[in-house]
């Protein structure tokens, strides 16, 4: 911040005093607070508040068709109960990296809360949204093949709005409904896989060093 002050000395000669203040730390603090207000502290993805704000912004129809994909992490409670919340956090952060890697830069990828994630895909007809959903399934399969000590399962459902007269909230509810249709089967399958791995590896599952390797690999893709 630069401020100028007009001053006169004892002989009435006018002059100017310039005061320069370094506000770098103040601006950094502002940026941090702004980031925290719209991002999930654990995963770094957008949070529910930002997701809902974007739904309101996209209601105009300017970005139709708009796709919504709803995700739910299968077995998070089981992982928390068996291995502790640190392991559950490892599962969530790894899941977030896998989800983020499957979408475009302008797609809104958010952690809605707990084990729930969602994505808004502007300007995306049904075939694009379906392709993104399939990309996610393949990414999860590839992750489990490459990183068996950080097992993951994600249930998902999707829906598309083609007309502005349909409220985006209803599209999100439809995607959520489709996700819950497949969740019981996925959860049961994940539980069985988890128990098989737990018998073999015990508390070595979701260890920090394995998760760090997974996230480093995802960042490089």
Protein backbone atom coordinates (compact mmCIF):
# COMPACT_ATOMS: atom_id res chain seq x y z
CA UNK A 1 0.00 0.00 0.00
CA UNK A 2 1.37 3.40 -1.00
CA UNK A 3 0.06 6.56 0.68
CA UNK A 4 0.98 10.18 -0.09
CA UNK A 5 0.77 13.05 2.40
CA UNK A 6 1.17 16.77 1.59
CA UNK A 7 3.25 18.47 4.30
CA UNK A 8 4.75 21.89 4.95
CA UNK A 9 7.91 22.62 6.93
CA UNK A 10 8.56 25.50 9.37
CA UNK A 11 9.27 27.87 6.46
CA UNK A 12 5.93 26.94 4.80
CA UNK A 13 7.60 25.06 1.95
CA UNK A 14 5.31 22.26 0.71
CA UNK A 15 6.54 18.73 0.28
CA UNK A 16 5.23 15.20 -0.03
CA UNK A 17 5.78 12.26 2.32
CA UNK A 18 5.41 8.78 0.85
CA UNK A 19 4.59 5.86 3.16
CA UNK A 20 4.97 2.37 1.71
CA UNK A 21 3.55 -0.57 3.70
CA UNK A 22 4.32 -4.19 2.82
CA UNK A 23 1.06 -6.15 3.09
CA UNK A 24 2.34 -9.43 1.60
CA UNK A 25 1.55 -11.45 4.72
CA UNK A 26 -1.88 -9.86 4.97
CA UNK A 27 -2.69 -10.82 1.37
CA UNK A 28 -1.39 -14.34 1.95
CA UNK A 29 -3.69 -14.64 4.96
CA UNK A 30 -6.63 -13.40 2.88
CA UNK A 31 -5.88 -15.93 0.14
CA UNK A 32 -5.63 -18.72 2.71
CA UNK A 33 -8.97 -17.81 4.26
CA UNK A 34 -10.60 -17.56 0.83
CA UNK A 35 -9.23 -20.99 -0.12
CA UNK A 36 -10.40 -22.53 3.16
CA UNK A 37 -13.90 -21.12 2.77
CA UNK A 38 -14.45 -23.01 -0.50
CA UNK A 39 -12.22 -26.09 -0.12
CA UNK A 40 -12.31 -29.25 1.94
CA UNK A 41 -9.42 -29.18 4.40
CA UNK A 42 -8.67 -32.91 4.13
CA UNK A 43 -8.76 -33.55 0.38
CA UNK A 44 -8.19 -30.08 -1.10
CA UNK A 45 -11.26 -30.47 -3.33
CA UNK A 46 -14.05 -27.93 -3.39
CA UNK A 47 -16.43 -28.21 -0.43
CA UNK A 48 -20.22 -28.42 -0.23
CA UNK A 49 -20.63 -24.62 0.08
CA UNK A 50 -18.78 -24.02 -3.20
CA UNK A 51 -20.60 -26.89 -4.93
CA UNK A 52 -24.00 -25.45 -3.98
CA UNK A 53 -22.88 -21.96 -5.04
CA UNK A 54 -21.88 -23.35 -8.45
CA UNK A 55 -25.24 -25.10 -8.82
CA UNK A 56 -26.93 -21.72 -8.35
CA UNK A 57 -24.56 -20.07 -10.86
CA UNK A 58 -25.22 -22.77 -13.46
CA UNK A 59 -29.03 -22.63 -13.11
CA UNK A 60 -29.33 -20.01 -15.89
CA UNK A 61 -29.11 -22.64 -18.62
CA UNK A 62 -26.11 -21.00 -20.27
CA UNK A 63 -24.01 -24.13 -19.66
CA UNK A 64 -26.63 -26.75 -20.53
CA UNK A 65 -26.54 -29.64 -20.89
CA UNK A 66 -25.13 -30.11 -17.38
CA UNK A 67 -24.17 -33.48 -15.95
CA UNK A 68 -24.04 -34.41 -12.28
CA UNK A 69 -22.21 -37.46 -10.95
CA UNK A 70 -22.65 -38.55 -7.34
CA UNK A 71 -20.01 -40.72 -5.64
CA UNK A 72 -19.96 -42.56 -2.33
CA UNK A 73 -16.89 -44.28 -0.86
CA UNK A 74 -17.80 -47.86 0.02
CA UNK A 75 -16.65 -49.23 3.37
CA UNK A 76 -15.26 -46.06 4.94
CA UNK A 77 -16.85 -46.89 8.32
CA UNK A 78 -15.36 -50.38 8.18
CA UNK A 79 -11.88 -48.97 7.51
CA UNK A 80 -12.26 -46.43 10.33
CA UNK A 81 -13.47 -49.08 12.78
CA UNK A 82 -10.84 -51.68 11.87
CA UNK A 83 -7.78 -49.49 11.33
CA UNK A 84 -8.54 -46.08 12.82
CA UNK A 85 -9.44 -42.70 11.38
CA UNK A 86 -5.93 -42.10 10.02
CA UNK A 87 -6.50 -45.04 7.67
CA UNK A 88 -9.93 -43.67 6.77
CA UNK A 89 -8.36 -40.31 5.97
CA UNK A 90 -5.83 -42.06 3.73
CA UNK A 91 -8.69 -43.74 1.89
CA UNK A 92 -10.49 -40.41 1.44
CA UNK A 93 -7.45 -38.47 0.21
CA UNK A 94 -6.53 -41.23 -2.22
CA UNK A 95 -10.12 -41.42 -3.47
CA UNK A 96 -10.13 -37.66 -3.99
CA UNK A 97 -6.96 -37.85 -6.10
CA UNK A 98 -8.39 -40.64 -8.26
CA UNK A 99 -11.67 -38.76 -8.80
CA UNK A 100 -9.91 -35.47 -9.62
CA UNK A 101 -7.69 -37.20 -12.19
CA UNK A 102 -10.73 -38.36 -14.19
CA UNK A 103 -12.30 -34.97 -14.88
CA UNK A 104 -11.64 -31.82 -16.85
CA UNK A 105 -10.20 -28.65 -15.42
CA UNK A 106 -13.53 -26.80 -15.60
CA UNK A 107 -15.55 -29.59 -13.97
CA UNK A 108 -16.49 -28.86 -10.36
CA UNK A 109 -15.17 -31.74 -8.24
CA UNK A 110 -16.26 -31.51 -4.59
CA UNK A 111 -16.32 -33.44 -1.36
CA UNK A 112 -19.88 -32.98 -0.16
CA UNK A 113 -19.19 -34.39 3.28
CA UNK A 114 -18.11 -37.61 4.99
CA UNK A 115 -17.78 -40.28 2.31
CA UNK A 116 -19.73 -38.35 -0.35
CA UNK A 117 -18.27 -36.67 -3.43
CA UNK A 118 -19.98 -35.04 -6.42
CA UNK A 119 -19.04 -33.51 -9.77
CA UNK A 120 -20.75 -30.88 -11.93
CA UNK A 121 -19.97 -31.18 -15.65
CA UNK A 122 -21.04 -28.06 -17.59
CA UNK A 123 -21.64 -28.31 -21.35
CA UNK A 124 -21.76 -32.09 -21.15
CA UNK A 125 -24.38 -34.19 -22.96
CA UNK A 126 -25.24 -37.70 -21.76
CA UNK A 127 -22.52 -39.49 -23.73
CA UNK A 128 -19.82 -37.25 -22.20
CA UNK A 129 -21.12 -37.79 -18.66
CA UNK A 130 -21.46 -41.53 -19.20
CA UNK A 131 -17.91 -41.60 -20.55
CA UNK A 132 -16.65 -39.80 -17.45
CA UNK A 133 -18.46 -42.29 -15.21
CA UNK A 134 -16.91 -45.18 -17.11
CA UNK A 135 -13.50 -43.54 -16.85
CA UNK A 136 -13.96 -43.48 -13.07
CA UNK A 137 -14.79 -47.19 -12.94
CA UNK A 138 -11.71 -48.02 -14.96
CA UNK A 139 -9.55 -45.74 -12.79
CA UNK A 140 -10.72 -47.51 -9.62
CA UNK A 141 -10.01 -50.93 -11.16
CA UNK A 142 -6.55 -49.79 -12.25
CA UNK A 143 -5.87 -48.32 -8.81
CA UNK A 144 -6.76 -51.60 -7.08
CA UNK A 145 -4.57 -53.53 -9.50
CA UNK A 146 -1.56 -51.29 -8.91
CA UNK A 147 -2.09 -50.57 -5.20
CA UNK A 148 -3.63 -53.60 -3.47
CA UNK A 149 -2.65 -52.31 -0.01
CA UNK A 150 -4.86 -49.24 -0.49
CA UNK A 151 -8.10 -50.93 -1.65
CA UNK A 152 -10.89 -48.69 -2.88
CA UNK A 153 -14.49 -49.03 -3.99
CA UNK A 154 -16.74 -46.20 -5.18
CA UNK A 155 -20.47 -46.34 -5.91
CA UNK A 156 -21.70 -43.80 -8.42
CA UNK A 157 -24.74 -42.52 -10.24
CA UNK A 158 -25.23 -39.82 -12.83
CA UNK A 159 -27.92 -37.67 -14.45
CA UNK A 160 -28.04 -34.89 -17.06
CA UNK A 161 -30.12 -31.71 -17.33
CA UNK A 162 -31.04 -30.84 -20.90
CA UNK A 163 -33.66 -28.15 -20.20
CA UNK A 164 -33.42 -25.10 -17.95
CA UNK A 165 -36.94 -25.66 -16.62
CA UNK A 166 -35.59 -28.60 -14.59
CA UNK A 167 -34.01 -27.55 -11.30
CA UNK A 168 -30.40 -28.68 -10.92
CA UNK A 169 -31.16 -29.86 -7.39
CA UNK A 170 -33.50 -32.48 -8.86
CA UNK A 171 -30.76 -33.63 -11.25
CA UNK A 172 -28.41 -34.04 -8.30
CA UNK A 173 -31.07 -36.01 -6.42
CA UNK A 174 -31.54 -38.27 -9.44
CA UNK A 175 -27.78 -38.92 -9.63
CA UNK A 176 -27.75 -39.63 -5.89
CA UNK A 177 -30.66 -42.06 -6.29
CA UNK A 178 -28.86 -43.94 -9.07
CA UNK A 179 -25.75 -44.15 -6.88
CA UNK A 180 -27.67 -45.70 -3.98
CA UNK A 181 -29.10 -48.36 -6.28
CA UNK A 182 -25.66 -49.88 -6.83
CA UNK A 183 -24.22 -49.15 -3.37
CA UNK A 184 -25.48 -52.26 -1.45
CA UNK A 185 -23.75 -54.64 -3.87
CA UNK A 186 -20.54 -52.60 -4.03
CA UNK A 187 -20.38 -52.28 -0.25
CA UNK A 188 -20.78 -56.02 0.27
CA UNK A 189 -18.13 -56.77 -2.34
CA UNK A 190 -15.70 -54.27 -0.77
CA UNK A 191 -16.26 -55.70 2.72
CA UNK A 192 -15.31 -59.16 1.49
CA UNK A 193 -12.20 -57.84 -0.29
CA UNK A 194 -11.21 -55.84 2.78
CA UNK A 195 -11.54 -58.84 5.13
CA UNK A 196 -9.46 -61.01 2.78
CA UNK A 197 -6.72 -58.37 2.65
CA UNK A 198 -6.92 -57.71 6.39
CA UNK A 199 -6.31 -61.40 7.13
CA UNK A 200 -3.17 -61.21 5.00
CA UNK A 201 -1.76 -57.75 5.78
CA UNK A 202 -3.49 -56.66 8.99
CA UNK A 203 -2.68 -53.09 10.08
CA UNK A 204 -0.32 -52.60 7.12
CA UNK A 205 -3.33 -51.60 5.01
CA UNK A 206 -3.62 -47.87 4.25
CA UNK A 207 -0.22 -47.12 5.72
CA UNK A 208 1.02 -43.60 5.07
CA UNK A 209 3.95 -44.68 2.88
CA UNK A 210 1.67 -46.64 0.54
CA UNK A 211 -0.81 -43.78 0.26
CA UNK A 212 1.97 -41.28 -0.41
CA UNK A 213 3.20 -43.48 -3.27
CA UNK A 214 -0.32 -43.69 -4.72
CA UNK A 215 -0.85 -39.93 -4.55
CA UNK A 216 2.56 -39.23 -6.07
CA UNK A 217 1.71 -41.58 -8.93
CA UNK A 218 -1.66 -39.86 -9.49
CA UNK A 219 -0.02 -36.42 -9.53
CA UNK A 220 2.35 -37.56 -12.26
CA UNK A 221 -0.39 -38.90 -14.52
